[in-house]
All heavy atoms as atom14 arrays in JSON, in Angstrom:
{
  "sequence": "ANPRTLGPLPAGEAALAAWFQAVSPRTAGFNTIDVGAML",
  "atom14_mask": [
    [1, 1, 1, 1, 1, 0, 0, 0, 0, 0, 0, 0, 0, 0],
    [1, 1, 1, 1, 1, 1, 1, 1, 0, 0, 0, 0, 0, 0],
    [1, 1, 1, 1, 1, 1, 1, 0, 0, 0, 0, 0, 0, 0],
    [1, 1, 1, 1, 1, 1, 1, 1, 1, 1, 1, 0, 0, 0],
    [1, 1, 1, 1, 1, 1, 1, 0, 0, 0, 0, 0, 0, 0],
    [1, 1, 1, 1, 1, 1, 1, 1, 0, 0, 0, 0, 0, 0],
    [1, 1, 1, 1, 0, 0, 0, 0, 0, 0, 0, 0, 0, 0],
    [1, 1, 1, 1, 1, 1, 1, 0, 0, 0, 0, 0, 0, 0],
    [1, 1, 1, 1, 1, 1, 1, 1, 0, 0, 0, 0, 0, 0],
    [1, 1, 1, 1, 1, 1, 1, 0, 0, 0, 0, 0, 0, 0],
    [1, 1, 1, 1, 1, 0, 0, 0, 0, 0, 0, 0, 0, 0],
    [1, 1, 1, 1, 0, 0, 0, 0, 0, 0, 0, 0, 0, 0],
    [1, 1, 1, 1, 1, 1, 1, 1, 1, 0, 0, 0, 0, 0],
    [1, 1, 1, 1, 1, 0, 0, 0, 0, 0, 0, 0, 0, 0],
    [1, 1, 1, 1, 1, 0, 0, 0, 0, 0, 0, 0, 0, 0],
    [1, 1, 1, 1, 1, 1, 1, 1, 0, 0, 0, 0, 0, 0],
    [1, 1, 1, 1, 1, 0, 0, 0, 0, 0, 0, 0, 0, 0],
    [1, 1, 1, 1, 1, 0, 0, 0, 0, 0, 0, 0, 0, 0],
    [1, 1, 1, 1, 1, 1, 1, 1, 1, 1, 1, 1, 1, 1],
    [1, 1, 1, 1, 1, 1, 1, 1, 1, 1, 1, 0, 0, 0],
    [1, 1, 1, 1, 1, 1, 1, 1, 1, 0, 0, 0, 0, 0],
    [1, 1, 1, 1, 1, 0, 0, 0, 0, 0, 0, 0, 0, 0],
    [1, 1, 1, 1, 1, 1, 1, 0, 0, 0, 0, 0, 0, 0],
    [1, 1, 1, 1, 1, 1, 0, 0, 0, 0, 0, 0, 0, 0],
    [1, 1, 1, 1, 1, 1, 1, 0, 0, 0, 0, 0, 0, 0],
    [1, 1, 1, 1, 1, 1, 1, 1, 1, 1, 1, 0, 0, 0],
    [1, 1, 1, 1, 1, 1, 1, 0, 0, 0, 0, 0, 0, 0],
    [1, 1, 1, 1, 1, 0, 0, 0, 0, 0, 0, 0, 0, 0],
    [1, 1, 1, 1, 0, 0, 0, 0, 0, 0, 0, 0, 0, 0],
    [1, 1, 1, 1, 1, 1, 1, 1, 1, 1, 1, 0, 0, 0],
    [1, 1, 1, 1, 1, 1, 1, 1, 0, 0, 0, 0, 0, 0],
    [1, 1, 1, 1, 1, 1, 1, 0, 0, 0, 0, 0, 0, 0],
    [1, 1, 1, 1, 1, 1, 1, 1, 0, 0, 0, 0, 0, 0],
    [1, 1, 1, 1, 1, 1, 1, 1, 0, 0, 0, 0, 0, 0],
    [1, 1, 1, 1, 1, 1, 1, 0, 0, 0, 0, 0, 0, 0],
    [1, 1, 1, 1, 0, 0, 0, 0, 0, 0, 0, 0, 0, 0],
    [1, 1, 1, 1, 1, 0, 0, 0, 0, 0, 0, 0, 0, 0],
    [1, 1, 1, 1, 1, 1, 1, 1, 0, 0, 0, 0, 0, 0],
    [1, 1, 1, 1, 1, 1, 1, 1, 0, 0, 0, 0, 0, 0]
  ],
  "atom14_positions": [
    [[2.55, -0.8, 10.57], [2.24, -0.07, 11.83], [1.8, 1.38, 11.56], [1.42, 2.11, 12.45], [3.39, -0.08, 12.79], [0.0, 0.0, 0.0], [0.0, 0.0, 0.0], [0.0, 0.0, 0.0], [0.0, 0.0, 0.0], [0.0, 0.0, 0.0], [0.0, 0.0, 0.0], [0.0, 0.0, 0.0], [0.0, 0.0, 0.0], [0.0, 0.0, 0.0]],
    [[1.87, 1.83, 10.28], [1.52, 3.19, 9.92], [0.01, 3.3, 9.86], [-0.62, 2.73, 8.98], [2.12, 3.55, 8.6], [1.96, 5.03, 8.24], [1.14, 5.76, 8.84], [2.75, 5.48, 7.3], [0.0, 0.0, 0.0], [0.0, 0.0, 0.0], [0.0, 0.0, 0.0], [0.0, 0.0, 0.0], [0.0, 0.0, 0.0], [0.0, 0.0, 0.0]],
    [[-0.66, 4.1, 10.72], [-2.11, 4.19, 10.73], [-2.67, 4.94, 9.52], [-3.89, 4.87, 9.32], [-2.41, 4.91, 12.05], [-1.17, 5.66, 12.35], [-0.04, 4.87, 11.83], [0.0, 0.0, 0.0], [0.0, 0.0, 0.0], [0.0, 0.0, 0.0], [0.0, 0.0, 0.0], [0.0, 0.0, 0.0], [0.0, 0.0, 0.0], [0.0, 0.0, 0.0]],
    [[-1.81, 5.55, 8.74], [-2.33, 6.28, 7.6], [-2.2, 5.5, 6.29], [-2.62, 5.98, 5.28], [-1.55, 7.59, 7.48], [-1.82, 8.53, 8.69], [-1.03, 9.81, 8.68], [-1.23, 10.52, 7.46], [-0.36, 11.42, 6.94], [0.78, 11.64, 7.59], [-0.62, 12.03, 5.81], [0.0, 0.0, 0.0], [0.0, 0.0, 0.0], [0.0, 0.0, 0.0]],
    [[-1.62, 4.3, 6.36], [-1.44, 3.48, 5.13], [-2.0, 2.08, 5.34], [-3.21, 1.84, 5.17], [-0.02, 3.45, 4.7], [0.85, 2.94, 5.75], [0.5, 4.82, 4.24], [0.0, 0.0, 0.0], [0.0, 0.0, 0.0], [0.0, 0.0, 0.0], [0.0, 0.0, 0.0], [0.0, 0.0, 0.0], [0.0, 0.0, 0.0], [0.0, 0.0, 0.0]],
    [[-1.18, 1.14, 5.72], [-1.63, -0.25, 5.91], [-2.15, -0.56, 7.3], [-2.84, -1.58, 7.44], [-0.45, -1.21, 5.63], [0.16, -1.18, 4.26], [1.32, -2.21, 4.17], [-0.88, -1.46, 3.18], [0.0, 0.0, 0.0], [0.0, 0.0, 0.0], [0.0, 0.0, 0.0], [0.0, 0.0, 0.0], [0.0, 0.0, 0.0], [0.0, 0.0, 0.0]],
    [[-1.91, 0.32, 8.24], [-2.36, 0.05, 9.63], [-3.81, -0.35, 9.81], [-4.09, -1.32, 10.51], [0.0, 0.0, 0.0], [0.0, 0.0, 0.0], [0.0, 0.0, 0.0], [0.0, 0.0, 0.0], [0.0, 0.0, 0.0], [0.0, 0.0, 0.0], [0.0, 0.0, 0.0], [0.0, 0.0, 0.0], [0.0, 0.0, 0.0], [0.0, 0.0, 0.0]],
    [[-4.76, 0.44, 9.28], [-6.15, 0.07, 9.53], [-6.69, -1.14, 8.73], [-7.81, -1.58, 8.99], [-6.91, 1.33, 9.17], [-6.01, 2.06, 8.23], [-4.6, 1.68, 8.59], [0.0, 0.0, 0.0], [0.0, 0.0, 0.0], [0.0, 0.0, 0.0], [0.0, 0.0, 0.0], [0.0, 0.0, 0.0], [0.0, 0.0, 0.0], [0.0, 0.0, 0.0]],
    [[-5.93, -1.67, 7.82], [-6.36, -2.73, 6.96], [-6.22, -4.1, 7.66], [-5.25, -4.29, 8.39], [-5.62, -2.76, 5.64], [-5.73, -1.52, 4.75], [-4.8, -1.68, 3.55], [-7.16, -1.32, 4.32], [0.0, 0.0, 0.0], [0.0, 0.0, 0.0], [0.0, 0.0, 0.0], [0.0, 0.0, 0.0], [0.0, 0.0, 0.0], [0.0, 0.0, 0.0]],
    [[-7.12, -5.05, 7.42], [-6.92, -6.41, 7.88], [-5.67, -6.99, 7.25], [-5.23, -6.52, 6.21], [-8.17, -7.16, 7.43], [-9.15, -6.1, 7.12], [-8.44, -4.86, 6.74], [0.0, 0.0, 0.0], [0.0, 0.0, 0.0], [0.0, 0.0, 0.0], [0.0, 0.0, 0.0], [0.0, 0.0, 0.0], [0.0, 0.0, 0.0], [0.0, 0.0, 0.0]],
    [[-5.1, -7.97, 7.85], [-3.79, -8.53, 7.42], [-3.84, -8.95, 5.92], [-2.87, -8.63, 5.22], [-3.43, -9.76, 8.29], [0.0, 0.0, 0.0], [0.0, 0.0, 0.0], [0.0, 0.0, 0.0], [0.0, 0.0, 0.0], [0.0, 0.0, 0.0], [0.0, 0.0, 0.0], [0.0, 0.0, 0.0], [0.0, 0.0, 0.0], [0.0, 0.0, 0.0]],
    [[-4.85, -9.6, 5.51], [-4.91, -10.02, 4.1], [-4.97, -8.87, 3.12], [-4.29, -8.85, 2.1], [0.0, 0.0, 0.0], [0.0, 0.0, 0.0], [0.0, 0.0, 0.0], [0.0, 0.0, 0.0], [0.0, 0.0, 0.0], [0.0, 0.0, 0.0], [0.0, 0.0, 0.0], [0.0, 0.0, 0.0], [0.0, 0.0, 0.0], [0.0, 0.0, 0.0]],
    [[-5.75, -7.84, 3.45], [-5.88, -6.67, 2.58], [-4.56, -5.88, 2.63], [-4.16, -5.31, 1.61], [-7.03, -5.77, 3.01], [-8.37, -6.37, 2.66], [-9.52, -5.41, 3.1], [-9.31, -4.23, 3.14], [-10.6, -5.94, 3.38], [0.0, 0.0, 0.0], [0.0, 0.0, 0.0], [0.0, 0.0, 0.0], [0.0, 0.0, 0.0], [0.0, 0.0, 0.0]],
    [[-3.91, -5.82, 3.78], [-2.65, -5.11, 3.89], [-1.6, -5.81, 3.07], [-0.77, -5.14, 2.38], [-2.23, -5.06, 5.37], [0.0, 0.0, 0.0], [0.0, 0.0, 0.0], [0.0, 0.0, 0.0], [0.0, 0.0, 0.0], [0.0, 0.0, 0.0], [0.0, 0.0, 0.0], [0.0, 0.0, 0.0], [0.0, 0.0, 0.0], [0.0, 0.0, 0.0]],
    [[-1.57, -7.14, 3.08], [-0.59, -7.83, 2.24], [-0.86, -7.64, 0.78], [0.09, -7.43, -0.03], [-0.65, -9.36, 2.59], [0.0, 0.0, 0.0], [0.0, 0.0, 0.0], [0.0, 0.0, 0.0], [0.0, 0.0, 0.0], [0.0, 0.0, 0.0], [0.0, 0.0, 0.0], [0.0, 0.0, 0.0], [0.0, 0.0, 0.0], [0.0, 0.0, 0.0]],
    [[-2.13, -7.61, 0.39], [-2.44, -7.37, -0.99], [-2.09, -5.93, -1.46], [-1.57, -5.74, -2.55], [-3.94, -7.65, -1.26], [-4.42, -7.62, -2.7], [-3.65, -8.6, -3.56], [-5.92, -7.84, -2.79], [0.0, 0.0, 0.0], [0.0, 0.0, 0.0], [0.0, 0.0, 0.0], [0.0, 0.0, 0.0], [0.0, 0.0, 0.0], [0.0, 0.0, 0.0]],
    [[-2.35, -5.0, -0.59], [-2.02, -3.59, -0.88], [-0.5, -3.44, -0.97], [0.0, -2.71, -1.83], [-2.6, -2.68, 0.18], [0.0, 0.0, 0.0], [0.0, 0.0, 0.0], [0.0, 0.0, 0.0], [0.0, 0.0, 0.0], [0.0, 0.0, 0.0], [0.0, 0.0, 0.0], [0.0, 0.0, 0.0], [0.0, 0.0, 0.0], [0.0, 0.0, 0.0]],
    [[0.22, -4.12, -0.09], [1.73, -4.06, -0.13], [2.23, -4.65, -1.43], [3.17, -4.15, -2.08], [2.32, -4.76, 1.06], [0.0, 0.0, 0.0], [0.0, 0.0, 0.0], [0.0, 0.0, 0.0], [0.0, 0.0, 0.0], [0.0, 0.0, 0.0], [0.0, 0.0, 0.0], [0.0, 0.0, 0.0], [0.0, 0.0, 0.0], [0.0, 0.0, 0.0]],
    [[1.61, -5.78, -1.83], [2.02, -6.42, -3.11], [1.73, -5.49, -4.28], [2.6, -5.29, -5.14], [1.2, -7.74, -3.28], [1.45, -8.35, -4.65], [2.51, -9.13, -5.03], [0.58, -8.27, -5.75], [2.35, -9.47, -6.35], [1.17, -8.99, -6.83], [-0.66, -7.68, -5.99], [0.59, -9.09, -8.06], [-1.27, -7.76, -7.22], [-0.62, -8.51, -8.28]],
    [[0.57, -4.85, -4.31], [0.27, -3.93, -5.39], [1.23, -2.75, -5.41], [1.63, -2.34, -6.47], [-1.18, -3.44, -5.24], [-1.71, -2.77, -6.49], [-2.17, -3.5, -7.58], [-1.66, -1.36, -6.58], [-2.61, -2.83, -8.72], [-2.14, -0.7, -7.7], [-2.58, -1.48, -8.79], [0.0, 0.0, 0.0], [0.0, 0.0, 0.0], [0.0, 0.0, 0.0]],
    [[1.57, -2.25, -4.21], [2.53, -1.14, -4.11], [3.92, -1.56, -4.6], [4.69, -0.71, -5.07], [2.59, -0.58, -2.69], [1.51, 0.37, -2.37], [1.38, 1.55, -3.29], [0.32, 1.75, -3.9], [2.42, 2.3, -3.48], [0.0, 0.0, 0.0], [0.0, 0.0, 0.0], [0.0, 0.0, 0.0], [0.0, 0.0, 0.0], [0.0, 0.0, 0.0]],
    [[4.27, -2.82, -4.5], [5.55, -3.29, -4.96], [5.58, -3.53, -6.43], [6.63, -3.31, -7.08], [5.96, -4.61, -4.21], [0.0, 0.0, 0.0], [0.0, 0.0, 0.0], [0.0, 0.0, 0.0], [0.0, 0.0, 0.0], [0.0, 0.0, 0.0], [0.0, 0.0, 0.0], [0.0, 0.0, 0.0], [0.0, 0.0, 0.0], [0.0, 0.0, 0.0]],
    [[4.44, -3.88, -7.04], [4.34, -4.15, -8.49], [4.18, -2.83, -9.25], [4.84, -2.6, -10.26], [3.19, -5.1, -8.81], [2.92, -5.17, -10.3], [3.44, -6.46, -8.21], [0.0, 0.0, 0.0], [0.0, 0.0, 0.0], [0.0, 0.0, 0.0], [0.0, 0.0, 0.0], [0.0, 0.0, 0.0], [0.0, 0.0, 0.0], [0.0, 0.0, 0.0]],
    [[3.31, -1.96, -8.77], [2.88, -0.78, -9.52], [4.04, 0.2, -9.86], [4.01, 0.7, -11.0], [1.78, -0.07, -8.68], [1.35, 1.05, -9.42], [0.0, 0.0, 0.0], [0.0, 0.0, 0.0], [0.0, 0.0, 0.0], [0.0, 0.0, 0.0], [0.0, 0.0, 0.0], [0.0, 0.0, 0.0], [0.0, 0.0, 0.0], [0.0, 0.0, 0.0]],
    [[4.99, 0.48, -9.02], [6.02, 1.48, -9.38], [6.85, 1.0, -10.58], [7.47, 1.81, -11.26], [6.88, 1.56, -8.16], [6.06, 1.12, -7.01], [5.11, 0.15, -7.59], [0.0, 0.0, 0.0], [0.0, 0.0, 0.0], [0.0, 0.0, 0.0], [0.0, 0.0, 0.0], [0.0, 0.0, 0.0], [0.0, 0.0, 0.0], [0.0, 0.0, 0.0]],
    [[6.87, -0.26, -10.82], [7.71, -0.78, -11.92], [6.92, -0.88, -13.23], [7.47, -1.12, -14.28], [8.28, -2.19, -11.59], [9.25, -2.11, -10.43], [9.81, -3.44, -10.11], [8.76, -4.35, -9.72], [8.79, -5.67, -9.96], [9.77, -6.21, -10.56], [7.75, -6.38, -9.57], [0.0, 0.0, 0.0], [0.0, 0.0, 0.0], [0.0, 0.0, 0.0]],
    [[5.6, -0.65, -13.15], [4.82, -0.78, -14.36], [3.97, 0.46, -14.65], [4.39, 1.3, -15.37], [3.84, -2.02, -14.25], [3.06, -1.9, -13.08], [4.66, -3.32, -14.15], [0.0, 0.0, 0.0], [0.0, 0.0, 0.0], [0.0, 0.0, 0.0], [0.0, 0.0, 0.0], [0.0, 0.0, 0.0], [0.0, 0.0, 0.0], [0.0, 0.0, 0.0]],
    [[2.81, 0.56, -13.98], [1.84, 1.62, -14.33], [1.86, 2.84, -13.43], [1.5, 3.9, -13.88], [0.45, 0.99, -14.27], [0.0, 0.0, 0.0], [0.0, 0.0, 0.0], [0.0, 0.0, 0.0], [0.0, 0.0, 0.0], [0.0, 0.0, 0.0], [0.0, 0.0, 0.0], [0.0, 0.0, 0.0], [0.0, 0.0, 0.0], [0.0, 0.0, 0.0]],
    [[2.28, 2.71, -12.23], [2.36, 3.86, -11.32], [1.07, 4.12, -10.54], [0.93, 5.17, -9.93], [0.0, 0.0, 0.0], [0.0, 0.0, 0.0], [0.0, 0.0, 0.0], [0.0, 0.0, 0.0], [0.0, 0.0, 0.0], [0.0, 0.0, 0.0], [0.0, 0.0, 0.0], [0.0, 0.0, 0.0], [0.0, 0.0, 0.0], [0.0, 0.0, 0.0]],
    [[0.18, 3.16, -10.52], [-1.04, 3.3, -9.71], [-0.71, 3.09, -8.23], [0.35, 2.6, -7.89], [-2.12, 2.26, -10.14], [-2.56, 2.4, -11.56], [-2.39, 1.38, -12.45], [-3.14, 3.57, -11.99], [-2.77, 1.48, -13.75], [-3.55, 3.69, -13.29], [-3.39, 2.67, -14.2], [0.0, 0.0, 0.0], [0.0, 0.0, 0.0], [0.0, 0.0, 0.0]],
    [[-1.62, 3.44, -7.37], [-1.42, 3.12, -5.96], [-2.74, 2.79, -5.25], [-3.81, 3.13, -5.69], [-0.74, 4.32, -5.24], [-1.52, 5.6, -5.34], [-2.67, 5.57, -5.82], [-0.97, 6.68, -4.95], [0.0, 0.0, 0.0], [0.0, 0.0, 0.0], [0.0, 0.0, 0.0], [0.0, 0.0, 0.0], [0.0, 0.0, 0.0], [0.0, 0.0, 0.0]],
    [[-2.62, 2.02, -4.18], [-3.76, 1.63, -3.39], [-3.79, 2.23, -2.01], [-4.79, 2.2, -1.35], [-3.77, 0.05, -3.2], [-2.54, -0.33, -2.66], [-3.98, -0.69, -4.49], [0.0, 0.0, 0.0], [0.0, 0.0, 0.0], [0.0, 0.0, 0.0], [0.0, 0.0, 0.0], [0.0, 0.0, 0.0], [0.0, 0.0, 0.0], [0.0, 0.0, 0.0]],
    [[-2.66, 2.8, -1.64], [-2.59, 3.49, -0.35], [-2.1, 4.92, -0.63], [-1.56, 5.22, -1.69], [-1.65, 2.8, 0.64], [-0.23, 2.66, 0.14], [-2.2, 1.46, 1.04], [0.74, 2.08, 1.12], [0.0, 0.0, 0.0], [0.0, 0.0, 0.0], [0.0, 0.0, 0.0], [0.0, 0.0, 0.0], [0.0, 0.0, 0.0], [0.0, 0.0, 0.0]],
    [[-2.23, 5.81, 0.33], [-1.87, 7.18, 0.19], [-0.32, 7.28, 0.23], [0.33, 7.11, 1.22], [-2.44, 8.01, 1.3], [-2.12, 9.5, 1.23], [-1.59, 9.96, 0.2], [-2.46, 10.24, 2.17], [0.0, 0.0, 0.0], [0.0, 0.0, 0.0], [0.0, 0.0, 0.0], [0.0, 0.0, 0.0], [0.0, 0.0, 0.0], [0.0, 0.0, 0.0]],
    [[0.26, 7.54, -0.95], [1.71, 7.57, -1.06], [2.26, 8.74, -0.22], [3.34, 8.6, 0.34], [2.13, 7.73, -2.56], [3.62, 7.87, -2.69], [1.66, 6.53, -3.34], [0.0, 0.0, 0.0], [0.0, 0.0, 0.0], [0.0, 0.0, 0.0], [0.0, 0.0, 0.0], [0.0, 0.0, 0.0], [0.0, 0.0, 0.0], [0.0, 0.0, 0.0]],
    [[1.56, 9.83, -0.15], [2.02, 10.94, 0.63], [2.11, 10.68, 2.14], [2.77, 11.37, 2.89], [0.0, 0.0, 0.0], [0.0, 0.0, 0.0], [0.0, 0.0, 0.0], [0.0, 0.0, 0.0], [0.0, 0.0, 0.0], [0.0, 0.0, 0.0], [0.0, 0.0, 0.0], [0.0, 0.0, 0.0], [0.0, 0.0, 0.0], [0.0, 0.0, 0.0]],
    [[1.38, 9.6, 2.6], [1.4, 9.23, 4.01], [2.47, 8.15, 4.32], [2.61, 7.76, 5.47], [0.04, 8.77, 4.43], [0.0, 0.0, 0.0], [0.0, 0.0, 0.0], [0.0, 0.0, 0.0], [0.0, 0.0, 0.0], [0.0, 0.0, 0.0], [0.0, 0.0, 0.0], [0.0, 0.0, 0.0], [0.0, 0.0, 0.0], [0.0, 0.0, 0.0]],
    [[3.15, 7.65, 3.31], [4.11, 6.59, 3.5], [5.35, 7.15, 4.26], [5.65, 8.33, 4.15], [4.53, 5.99, 2.19], [3.44, 5.16, 1.53], [3.93, 4.6, -0.12], [5.14, 3.39, 0.24], [0.0, 0.0, 0.0], [0.0, 0.0, 0.0], [0.0, 0.0, 0.0], [0.0, 0.0, 0.0], [0.0, 0.0, 0.0], [0.0, 0.0, 0.0]],
    [[5.98, 6.26, 5.0], [7.22, 6.66, 5.67], [8.36, 6.94, 4.67], [8.32, 6.36, 3.6], [7.66, 5.52, 6.62], [6.66, 5.13, 7.71], [7.1, 3.86, 8.4], [6.46, 6.27, 8.69], [0.0, 0.0, 0.0], [0.0, 0.0, 0.0], [0.0, 0.0, 0.0], [0.0, 0.0, 0.0], [0.0, 0.0, 0.0], [0.0, 0.0, 0.0]]
  ]
}
């Protein structure tokens, strides 16, 4: 529901971005959404 992160993305892209955000902190530290805008 956050309009600055996953909100504007279609459901499939939002799910993929959420998956990448869950994997990335444990490995490389990349991001697909604005981490500064996260809740």
